[in-house]
Amino acid sequence: MIVLLDDHTDASRQALTLARKFGEPRAIAMDAFEPFAPDALASAIVALDPTAVIGPGTERGNEVMARVAARTGLPFAANCTAAEPGSPVTVTRLRWGGSLLEEARLHSARPLITVAPHTVPADTGPPPQPVEVGAADQRDLVVCVSEHVQPSNGGVSLAAAKVIVSGGRGVGSKEGFAIIEELAGLLGAAVGCSRAVTSAGWRPHSDQVGQTGTKVSPEVYIACGISGATQHMAGLKGAKRIVAINSDPQAPLMLNADYTVTGDLKEIVPAISAEIRKRR
């Protein structure tokens, strides 16, 4: 049996594309246990004795798959962009925050693979048949979600936002984010930031975009005063359009953006907000 770890999102439909290379999968829902309990899911997957397990390369997908690997003592290939069945299985995966692709061979009788989001087309075929799971062992419920904290960005989730306005070190201070929040409010956008900003204590970690923060896939990502370190760029791979505002035209993010504005963000961002208000 091929098992797909399914969170009912595009990320799982992308994982399904690779899963179907190995056979017709059955799906086990990420929310099979409420609240979310990764050990309970891992235990249920192992009990099915699958021939392969494929899941989305999300925070929860990687967490569950790592626990499956620990329970079975098998290797786990995370954040893959391609996989070919065989003995051994050949995989291509993202490394170094997505700055390079690694081709590797997975020597395992039971391949455990997660698929990097937004790197594989989503499967458009019929959904796989679900797998019913029994009650969880109480010992597998020790680690579980205990509370959901409302994000500080007005309830707009970074992961789901269609537009994100992000600020970096160039914003200058915690108070400097007032103009970022103003623009985000006018656009109905979420507020994001770089790791330098959270390290300085200007914004909470929940606002951080990047490899060690949230990986995003908005229609438009507006980066204000962000240089574009590798770990930050790793979180933007799903963005459809990137607009960069920076005083340094040679900043990495400026060189990778679809649209750029060179200048002082403290003048440019308020000017954009004023123009939006004028047109309403």
C-alpha atoms as a PDB file:
ATOM      1  CA  MET A   1       0.000   0.000   0.000  1.00  0.00           C
ATOM      2  CA  ILE A   2       1.191   3.491  -0.921  1.00  0.00           C
ATOM      3  CA  VAL A   3       0.160   6.027   1.730  1.00  0.00           C
ATOM      4  CA  LEU A   4      -0.355   9.746   1.075  1.00  0.00           C
ATOM      5  CA  LEU A   5      -0.326  12.051   4.085  1.00  0.00           C
ATOM      6  CA  ASP A   6      -3.146  14.420   3.129  1.00  0.00           C
ATOM      7  CA  ASP A   7      -3.725  17.887   4.620  1.00  0.00           C
ATOM      8  CA  HIS A   8      -6.387  18.784   1.997  1.00  0.00           C
ATOM      9  CA  THR A   9      -4.279  21.586   0.484  1.00  0.00           C
ATOM     10  CA  ASP A  10      -2.427  22.194  -2.788  1.00  0.00           C
ATOM     11  CA  ALA A  11       0.724  20.930  -1.058  1.00  0.00           C
ATOM     12  CA  SER A  12      -0.860  17.480  -0.691  1.00  0.00           C
ATOM     13  CA  ARG A  13      -2.154  17.477  -4.255  1.00  0.00           C
ATOM     14  CA  GLN A  14       1.408  18.216  -5.377  1.00  0.00           C
ATOM     15  CA  ALA A  15       2.656  15.323  -3.227  1.00  0.00           C
ATOM     16  CA  LEU A  16      -0.016  13.145  -4.843  1.00  0.00           C
ATOM     17  CA  THR A  17       1.608  13.765  -8.239  1.00  0.00           C
ATOM     18  CA  LEU A  18       4.780  12.007  -7.042  1.00  0.00           C
ATOM     19  CA  ALA A  19       2.897   9.401  -5.003  1.00  0.00           C
ATOM     20  CA  ARG A  20       1.123   8.121  -8.115  1.00  0.00           C
ATOM     21  CA  LYS A  21       4.491   7.278  -9.657  1.00  0.00           C
ATOM     22  CA  PHE A  22       4.759   4.529  -7.042  1.00  0.00           C
ATOM     23  CA  GLY A  23       1.220   3.197  -7.469  1.00  0.00           C
ATOM     24  CA  GLU A  24      -2.334   4.139  -6.535  1.00  0.00           C
ATOM     25  CA  PRO A  25      -2.129   5.629  -3.035  1.00  0.00           C
ATOM     26  CA  ARG A  26      -4.538   5.607  -0.119  1.00  0.00           C
ATOM     27  CA  ALA A  27      -4.864   8.791   1.919  1.00  0.00           C
ATOM     28  CA  ILE A  28      -4.552   9.277   5.663  1.00  0.00           C
ATOM     29  CA  ALA A  29      -5.785  12.687   6.763  1.00  0.00           C
ATOM     30  CA  MET A  30      -3.483  15.048   8.625  1.00  0.00           C
ATOM     31  CA  ASP A  31      -6.458  15.866  10.864  1.00  0.00           C
ATOM     32  CA  ALA A  32      -7.304  12.211  11.544  1.00  0.00           C
ATOM     33  CA  PHE A  33      -6.683  12.964  15.208  1.00  0.00           C
ATOM     34  CA  GLU A  34      -7.977  16.132  16.830  1.00  0.00           C
ATOM     35  CA  PRO A  35      -6.139  18.043  18.121  1.00  0.00           C
ATOM     36  CA  PHE A  36      -3.175  17.444  15.816  1.00  0.00           C
ATOM     37  CA  ALA A  37      -0.963  14.750  17.346  1.00  0.00           C
ATOM     38  CA  PRO A  38       2.083  13.816  15.212  1.00  0.00           C
ATOM     39  CA  ASP A  39       2.957  10.664  17.172  1.00  0.00           C
ATOM     40  CA  ALA A  40      -0.571   9.308  16.785  1.00  0.00           C
ATOM     41  CA  LEU A  41      -0.407   9.858  13.016  1.00  0.00           C
ATOM     42  CA  ALA A  42       3.031   8.268  12.779  1.00  0.00           C
ATOM     43  CA  SER A  43       1.822   5.236  14.746  1.00  0.00           C
ATOM     44  CA  ALA A  44      -1.230   4.854  12.483  1.00  0.00           C
ATOM     45  CA  ILE A  45       0.928   5.035   9.347  1.00  0.00           C
ATOM     46  CA  VAL A  46       3.410   2.437  10.631  1.00  0.00           C
ATOM     47  CA  ALA A  47       0.532   0.113  11.554  1.00  0.00           C
ATOM     48  CA  LEU A  48      -0.608   0.110   7.906  1.00  0.00           C
ATOM     49  CA  ASP A  49       2.752  -1.423   6.888  1.00  0.00           C
ATOM     50  CA  PRO A  50       2.908   0.665   3.682  1.00  0.00           C
ATOM     51  CA  THR A  51       5.364   0.087   0.845  1.00  0.00           C
ATOM     52  CA  ALA A  52       5.940   3.865   0.549  1.00  0.00           C
ATOM     53  CA  VAL A  53       4.794   7.005   2.348  1.00  0.00           C
ATOM     54  CA  ILE A  54       4.588  10.356   0.561  1.00  0.00           C
ATOM     55  CA  GLY A  55       3.570  13.633   2.176  1.00  0.00           C
ATOM     56  CA  PRO A  56       3.662  17.398   1.742  1.00  0.00           C
ATOM     57  CA  GLY A  57       6.891  19.165   2.730  1.00  0.00           C
ATOM     58  CA  THR A  58       5.073  21.421   5.165  1.00  0.00           C
ATOM     59  CA  GLU A  59       5.937  21.884   8.837  1.00  0.00           C
ATOM     60  CA  ARG A  60       3.387  19.273   9.865  1.00  0.00           C
ATOM     61  CA  GLY A  61       4.161  16.935   6.969  1.00  0.00           C
ATOM     62  CA  ASN A  62       7.867  16.890   7.766  1.00  0.00           C
ATOM     63  CA  GLU A  63       7.171  16.523  11.488  1.00  0.00           C
ATOM     64  CA  VAL A  64       4.975  13.454  11.030  1.00  0.00           C
ATOM     65  CA  MET A  65       7.311  11.871   8.477  1.00  0.00           C
ATOM     66  CA  ALA A  66      10.347  12.349  10.742  1.00  0.00           C
ATOM     67  CA  ARG A  67       8.499  10.439  13.462  1.00  0.00           C
ATOM     68  CA  VAL A  68       7.622   7.654  11.027  1.00  0.00           C
ATOM     69  CA  ALA A  69      11.327   7.422  10.132  1.00  0.00           C
ATOM     70  CA  ALA A  70      12.309   7.315  13.818  1.00  0.00           C
ATOM     71  CA  ARG A  71       9.814   4.529  14.561  1.00  0.00           C
ATOM     72  CA  THR A  72      10.866   2.399  11.593  1.00  0.00           C
ATOM     73  CA  GLY A  73      14.587   3.172  11.538  1.00  0.00           C
ATOM     74  CA  LEU A  74      14.332   4.011   7.835  1.00  0.00           C
ATOM     75  CA  PRO A  75      15.853   6.934   5.890  1.00  0.00           C
ATOM     76  CA  PHE A  76      13.671   9.916   5.099  1.00  0.00           C
ATOM     77  CA  ALA A  77      14.103  12.232   2.080  1.00  0.00           C
ATOM     78  CA  ALA A  78      12.611  15.663   2.812  1.00  0.00           C
ATOM     79  CA  ASN A  79      11.636  18.508   0.464  1.00  0.00           C
ATOM     80  CA  CYS A  80      11.938  16.553  -2.790  1.00  0.00           C
ATOM     81  CA  THR A  81      11.142  18.039  -6.182  1.00  0.00           C
ATOM     82  CA  ALA A  82      11.268  14.740  -8.099  1.00  0.00           C
ATOM     83  CA  ALA A  83      11.331  11.014  -7.386  1.00  0.00           C
ATOM     84  CA  GLU A  84      11.669   7.942  -9.568  1.00  0.00           C
ATOM     85  CA  PRO A  85      10.734   4.477  -8.293  1.00  0.00           C
ATOM     86  CA  GLY A  86      13.421   1.817  -8.465  1.00  0.00           C
ATOM     87  CA  SER A  87      15.939  -0.007  -6.375  1.00  0.00           C
ATOM     88  CA  PRO A  88      17.167   2.361  -5.094  1.00  0.00           C
ATOM     89  CA  VAL A  89      14.660   5.204  -5.474  1.00  0.00           C
ATOM     90  CA  THR A  90      16.218   8.290  -7.081  1.00  0.00           C
ATOM     91  CA  VAL A  91      15.198  11.644  -5.630  1.00  0.00           C
ATOM     92  CA  THR A  92      15.976  15.293  -6.308  1.00  0.00           C
ATOM     93  CA  ARG A  93      15.616  17.543  -3.290  1.00  0.00           C
ATOM     94  CA  LEU A  94      16.150  21.131  -2.212  1.00  0.00           C
ATOM     95  CA  ARG A  95      19.210  21.854  -0.105  1.00  0.00           C
ATOM     96  CA  TRP A  96      20.750  24.964   1.460  1.00  0.00           C
ATOM     97  CA  GLY A  97      17.461  26.808   1.661  1.00  0.00           C
ATOM     98  CA  GLY A  98      16.605  25.972  -1.930  1.00  0.00           C
ATOM     99  CA  SER A  99      19.793  27.470  -3.376  1.00  0.00           C
ATOM    100  CA  LEU A 100      20.836  24.124  -4.888  1.00  0.00           C
ATOM    101  CA  LEU A 101      19.306  20.812  -5.972  1.00  0.00           C
ATOM    102  CA  GLU A 102      20.750  17.528  -4.746  1.00  0.00           C
ATOM    103  CA  GLU A 103      20.282  14.263  -6.616  1.00  0.00           C
ATOM    104  CA  ALA A 104      20.377  11.310  -4.240  1.00  0.00           C
ATOM    105  CA  ARG A 105      19.551   7.617  -4.003  1.00  0.00           C
ATOM    106  CA  LEU A 106      17.254   6.385  -1.277  1.00  0.00           C
ATOM    107  CA  HIS A 107      18.282   2.888  -0.206  1.00  0.00           C
ATOM    108  CA  SER A 108      15.135   1.729   1.546  1.00  0.00           C
ATOM    109  CA  ALA A 109      12.528  -0.970   1.137  1.00  0.00           C
ATOM    110  CA  ARG A 110       9.938   1.599   2.266  1.00  0.00           C
ATOM    111  CA  PRO A 111      10.605   5.072   0.799  1.00  0.00           C
ATOM    112  CA  LEU A 112       9.622   7.975   3.074  1.00  0.00           C
ATOM    113  CA  ILE A 113       9.399  11.189   1.045  1.00  0.00           C
ATOM    114  CA  THR A 114       8.011  14.695   1.452  1.00  0.00           C
ATOM    115  CA  VAL A 115       7.514  16.953  -1.548  1.00  0.00           C
ATOM    116  CA  ALA A 116       8.664  20.584  -1.429  1.00  0.00           C
ATOM    117  CA  PRO A 117       5.593  22.831  -1.891  1.00  0.00           C
ATOM    118  CA  HIS A 118       5.175  24.652  -5.212  1.00  0.00           C
ATOM    119  CA  THR A 119       7.838  22.607  -6.999  1.00  0.00           C
ATOM    120  CA  VAL A 120       5.600  19.935  -8.568  1.00  0.00           C
ATOM    121  CA  PRO A 121       2.312  20.426 -10.479  1.00  0.00           C
ATOM    122  CA  ALA A 122      -0.759  19.515  -8.449  1.00  0.00           C
ATOM    123  CA  ASP A 123      -2.462  16.255  -9.392  1.00  0.00           C
ATOM    124  CA  THR A 124      -5.794  16.868 -11.141  1.00  0.00           C
ATOM    125  CA  GLY A 125      -7.095  13.307 -11.012  1.00  0.00           C
ATOM    126  CA  PRO A 126      -9.592  11.799  -8.590  1.00  0.00           C
ATOM    127  CA  PRO A 127      -8.654  11.973  -4.909  1.00  0.00           C
ATOM    128  CA  PRO A 128      -7.239   8.798  -3.372  1.00  0.00           C
ATOM    129  CA  GLN A 129      -9.451   6.591  -1.241  1.00  0.00           C
ATOM    130  CA  PRO A 130      -9.181   7.458   2.469  1.00  0.00           C
ATOM    131  CA  VAL A 131      -7.844   5.145   5.141  1.00  0.00           C
ATOM    132  CA  GLU A 132      -9.790   4.873   8.375  1.00  0.00           C
ATOM    133  CA  VAL A 133      -7.702   4.923  11.542  1.00  0.00           C
ATOM    134  CA  GLY A 134      -8.591   3.569  14.952  1.00  0.00           C
ATOM    135  CA  ALA A 135      -8.378   5.245  18.333  1.00  0.00           C
ATOM    136  CA  ALA A 136      -4.959   6.549  19.338  1.00  0.00           C
ATOM    137  CA  ASP A 137      -2.888   5.126  22.160  1.00  0.00           C
ATOM    138  CA  GLN A 138      -2.866   7.675  24.967  1.00  0.00           C
ATOM    139  CA  ARG A 139       0.931   7.592  24.967  1.00  0.00           C
ATOM    140  CA  ASP A 140       0.857   8.954  21.403  1.00  0.00           C
ATOM    141  CA  LEU A 141      -1.208  11.957  22.484  1.00  0.00           C
ATOM    142  CA  VAL A 142       1.381  13.429  24.851  1.00  0.00           C
ATOM    143  CA  VAL A 143       2.564  15.807  22.097  1.00  0.00           C
ATOM    144  CA  CYS A 144      -0.406  17.604  20.575  1.00  0.00           C
ATOM    145  CA  VAL A 145      -1.663  21.068  19.707  1.00  0.00           C
ATOM    146  CA  SER A 146      -2.954  22.659  22.895  1.00  0.00           C
ATOM    147  CA  GLU A 147      -3.860  26.142  21.682  1.00  0.00           C
ATOM    148  CA  HIS A 148      -4.151  28.285  18.563  1.00  0.00           C
ATOM    149  CA  VAL A 149      -2.851  31.835  18.989  1.00  0.00           C
ATOM    150  CA  GLN A 150      -4.381  34.460  16.733  1.00  0.00           C
ATOM    151  CA  PRO A 151      -1.664  36.079  14.585  1.00  0.00           C
ATOM    152  CA  SER A 152      -0.719  39.661  15.364  1.00  0.00           C
ATOM    153  CA  ASN A 153      -1.310  40.764  11.757  1.00  0.00           C
ATOM    154  CA  GLY A 154      -5.037  41.353  12.093  1.00  0.00           C
ATOM    155  CA  GLY A 155      -6.011  37.737  11.563  1.00  0.00           C
ATOM    156  CA  VAL A 156      -4.552  37.449   8.043  1.00  0.00           C
ATOM    157  CA  SER A 157      -2.431  34.303   7.979  1.00  0.00           C
ATOM    158  CA  LEU A 158       0.937  34.583   6.241  1.00  0.00           C
ATOM    159  CA  ALA A 159       0.597  31.078   4.820  1.00  0.00           C
ATOM    160  CA  ALA A 160      -2.813  31.839   3.273  1.00  0.00           C
ATOM    161  CA  ALA A 161      -2.407  35.541   2.395  1.00  0.00           C
ATOM    162  CA  LYS A 162      -2.845  36.612  -1.223  1.00  0.00           C
ATOM    163  CA  VAL A 163      -0.793  39.760  -0.633  1.00  0.00           C
ATOM    164  CA  ILE A 164       2.046  40.211   1.866  1.00  0.00           C
ATOM    165  CA  VAL A 165       3.843  43.435   2.754  1.00  0.00           C
ATOM    166  CA  SER A 166       7.155  42.583   4.415  1.00  0.00           C
ATOM    167  CA  GLY A 167       9.744  44.733   6.114  1.00  0.00           C
ATOM    168  CA  GLY A 168      13.426  44.147   6.742  1.00  0.00           C
ATOM    169  CA  ARG A 169      16.289  45.776   8.568  1.00  0.00           C
ATOM    170  CA  GLY A 170      15.881  48.823   6.326  1.00  0.00           C
ATOM    171  CA  VAL A 171      12.620  49.720   8.113  1.00  0.00           C
ATOM    172  CA  GLY A 172      14.872  50.910  10.929  1.00  0.00           C
ATOM    173  CA  SER A 173      12.884  50.213  14.090  1.00  0.00           C
ATOM    174  CA  LYS A 174       9.793  48.658  15.642  1.00  0.00           C
ATOM    175  CA  GLU A 175       7.980  51.963  15.208  1.00  0.00           C
ATOM    176  CA  GLY A 176       9.033  52.059  11.565  1.00  0.00           C
ATOM    177  CA  PHE A 177       6.629  49.202  10.839  1.00  0.00           C
ATOM    178  CA  ALA A 178       3.698  51.623  11.185  1.00  0.00           C
ATOM    179  CA  ILE A 179       3.964  52.496   7.468  1.00  0.00           C
ATOM    180  CA  ILE A 180       4.228  48.789   6.557  1.00  0.00           C
ATOM    181  CA  GLU A 181       1.095  48.019   8.589  1.00  0.00           C
ATOM    182  CA  GLU A 182      -0.713  50.980   7.005  1.00  0.00           C
ATOM    183  CA  LEU A 183      -0.019  49.740   3.459  1.00  0.00           C
ATOM    184  CA  ALA A 184      -0.937  46.183   4.406  1.00  0.00           C
ATOM    185  CA  GLY A 185      -4.234  47.409   5.856  1.00  0.00           C
ATOM    186  CA  LEU A 186      -5.115  49.255   2.658  1.00  0.00           C
ATOM    187  CA  LEU A 187      -4.359  46.156   0.564  1.00  0.00           C
ATOM    188  CA  GLY A 188      -6.006  43.646   2.901  1.00  0.00           C
ATOM    189  CA  ALA A 189      -2.568  42.062   3.206  1.00  0.00           C
ATOM    190  CA  ALA A 190      -0.622  40.240   5.882  1.00  0.00           C
ATOM    191  CA  VAL A 191       2.464  41.812   7.440  1.00  0.00           C
ATOM    192  CA  GLY A 192       5.699  39.828   7.194  1.00  0.00           C
ATOM    193  CA  CYS A 193       9.325  40.450   8.058  1.00  0.00           C
ATOM    194  CA  SER A 194      12.853  39.119   7.712  1.00  0.00           C
ATOM    195  CA  ARG A 195      14.864  37.190  10.296  1.00  0.00           C
ATOM    196  CA  ALA A 196      16.916  40.318  11.092  1.00  0.00           C
ATOM    197  CA  VAL A 197      13.724  42.005  12.241  1.00  0.00           C
ATOM    198  CA  THR A 198      12.665  39.208  14.603  1.00  0.00           C
ATOM    199  CA  SER A 199      16.231  38.957  15.918  1.00  0.00           C
ATOM    200  CA  ALA A 200      16.073  42.658  16.754  1.00  0.00           C
ATOM    201  CA  GLY A 201      12.779  42.144  18.582  1.00  0.00           C
ATOM    202  CA  TRP A 202      10.794  44.457  16.311  1.00  0.00           C
ATOM    203  CA  ARG A 203       8.250  41.791  15.254  1.00  0.00           C
ATOM    204  CA  PRO A 204       7.225  38.354  16.607  1.00  0.00           C
ATOM    205  CA  HIS A 205       8.643  35.188  15.057  1.00  0.00           C
ATOM    206  CA  SER A 206       5.161  34.361  13.703  1.00  0.00           C
ATOM    207  CA  ASP A 207       5.641  37.225  11.194  1.00  0.00           C
ATOM    208  CA  GLN A 208       8.955  35.910   9.866  1.00  0.00           C
ATOM    209  CA  VAL A 209       9.107  34.771   6.243  1.00  0.00           C
ATOM    210  CA  GLY A 210      11.868  32.384   5.215  1.00  0.00           C
ATOM    211  CA  GLN A 211      13.463  29.018   5.731  1.00  0.00           C
ATOM    212  CA  THR A 212      13.256  29.291   9.522  1.00  0.00           C
ATOM    213  CA  GLY A 213       9.930  31.137   9.427  1.00  0.00           C
ATOM    214  CA  THR A 214       6.867  30.726   7.222  1.00  0.00           C
ATOM    215  CA  LYS A 215       7.096  29.639   3.584  1.00  0.00           C
ATOM    216  CA  VAL A 216       4.602  31.734   1.633  1.00  0.00           C
ATOM    217  CA  SER A 217       2.906  31.644  -1.767  1.00  0.00           C
ATOM    218  CA  PRO A 218       1.052  34.952  -2.251  1.00  0.00           C
ATOM    219  CA  GLU A 219      -0.057  36.467  -5.525  1.00  0.00           C
ATOM    220  CA  VAL A 220       2.045  39.539  -4.642  1.00  0.00           C
ATOM    221  CA  TYR A 221       4.933  39.860  -2.162  1.00  0.00           C
ATOM    222  CA  ILE A 222       6.037  43.437  -1.424  1.00  0.00           C
ATOM    223  CA  ALA A 223       9.490  43.506   0.196  1.00  0.00           C
ATOM    224  CA  CYS A 224      10.469  46.765   1.867  1.00  0.00           C
ATOM    225  CA  GLY A 225      14.079  47.218   2.958  1.00  0.00           C
ATOM    226  CA  ILE A 226      14.905  43.490   2.713  1.00  0.00           C
ATOM    227  CA  SER A 227      18.276  42.590   1.223  1.00  0.00           C
ATOM    228  CA  GLY A 228      17.251  39.025   0.318  1.00  0.00           C
ATOM    229  CA  ALA A 229      19.432  36.559   2.211  1.00  0.00           C
ATOM    230  CA  THR A 230      19.309  32.954   1.012  1.00  0.00           C
ATOM    231  CA  GLN A 231      17.160  31.813   3.932  1.00  0.00           C
ATOM    232  CA  HIS A 232      14.614  34.566   3.221  1.00  0.00           C
ATOM    233  CA  MET A 233      14.481  33.767  -0.497  1.00  0.00           C
ATOM    234  CA  ALA A 234      13.816  30.125   0.390  1.00  0.00           C
ATOM    235  CA  GLY A 235      10.487  31.204   1.844  1.00  0.00           C
ATOM    236  CA  LEU A 236       9.426  33.084  -1.308  1.00  0.00           C
ATOM    237  CA  LYS A 237       9.649  30.358  -3.923  1.00  0.00           C
ATOM    238  CA  GLY A 238       5.871  30.145  -4.160  1.00  0.00           C
ATOM    239  CA  ALA A 239       5.301  33.896  -4.680  1.00  0.00           C
ATOM    240  CA  LYS A 240       3.746  34.723  -8.063  1.00  0.00           C
ATOM    241  CA  ARG A 241       5.055  38.313  -8.202  1.00  0.00           C
ATOM    242  CA  ILE A 242       7.704  40.041  -6.097  1.00  0.00           C
ATOM    243  CA  VAL A 243       7.888  43.823  -5.709  1.00  0.00           C
ATOM    244  CA  ALA A 244      11.088  45.050  -4.024  1.00  0.00           C
ATOM    245  CA  ILE A 245      11.669  48.495  -2.508  1.00  0.00           C
ATOM    246  CA  ASN A 246      15.260  49.138  -1.485  1.00  0.00           C
ATOM    247  CA  SER A 247      17.870  51.877  -1.532  1.00  0.00           C
ATOM    248  CA  ASP A 248      20.442  49.373  -2.875  1.00  0.00           C
ATOM    249  CA  PRO A 249      19.677  48.379  -6.486  1.00  0.00           C
ATOM    250  CA  GLN A 250      22.199  45.517  -6.236  1.00  0.00           C
ATOM    251  CA  ALA A 251      20.561  43.867  -3.215  1.00  0.00           C
ATOM    252  CA  PRO A 252      19.873  40.163  -4.004  1.00  0.00           C
ATOM    253  CA  LEU A 253      16.105  40.583  -3.663  1.00  0.00           C
ATOM    254  CA  MET A 254      16.148  43.541  -6.051  1.00  0.00           C
ATOM    255  CA  LEU A 255      17.948  41.389  -8.612  1.00  0.00           C
ATOM    256  CA  ASN A 256      15.373  38.595  -8.250  1.00  0.00           C
ATOM    257  CA  ALA A 257      12.195  40.709  -8.091  1.00  0.00           C
ATOM    258  CA  ASP A 258       9.663  41.139 -10.895  1.00  0.00           C
ATOM    259  CA  TYR A 259       9.323  44.866 -10.145  1.00  0.00           C
ATOM    260  CA  THR A 260      11.736  47.139  -8.261  1.00  0.00           C
ATOM    261  CA  VAL A 261      11.653  50.643  -6.797  1.00  0.00           C
ATOM    262  CA  THR A 262      15.008  52.126  -5.833  1.00  0.00           C
ATOM    263  CA  GLY A 263      14.889  54.703  -3.076  1.00  0.00           C
ATOM    264  CA  ASP A 264      14.038  55.430   0.546  1.00  0.00           C
ATOM    265  CA  LEU A 265      11.211  53.137   1.651  1.00  0.00           C
ATOM    266  CA  LYS A 266      10.194  55.694   4.292  1.00  0.00           C
ATOM    267  CA  GLU A 267       9.192  58.010   1.445  1.00  0.00           C
ATOM    268  CA  ILE A 268       8.055  55.412  -1.101  1.00  0.00           C
ATOM    269  CA  VAL A 269       5.742  53.304   1.092  1.00  0.00           C
ATOM    270  CA  PRO A 270       3.709  56.273   2.430  1.00  0.00           C
ATOM    271  CA  ALA A 271       3.478  57.608  -1.147  1.00  0.00           C
ATOM    272  CA  ILE A 272       1.995  54.294  -2.315  1.00  0.00           C
ATOM    273  CA  SER A 273      -0.503  54.358   0.554  1.00  0.00           C
ATOM    274  CA  ALA A 274      -1.472  57.948  -0.284  1.00  0.00           C
ATOM    275  CA  GLU A 275      -2.009  57.028  -3.939  1.00  0.00           C
ATOM    276  CA  ILE A 276      -4.217  54.075  -2.987  1.00  0.00           C
ATOM    277  CA  ARG A 277      -6.349  56.342  -0.766  1.00  0.00           C
ATOM    278  CA  LYS A 278      -6.598  58.920  -3.553  1.00  0.00           C
ATOM    279  CA  ARG A 279      -7.963  56.330  -5.992  1.00  0.00           C
ATOM    280  CA  ARG A 280     -10.639  55.048  -3.625  1.00  0.00           C
END
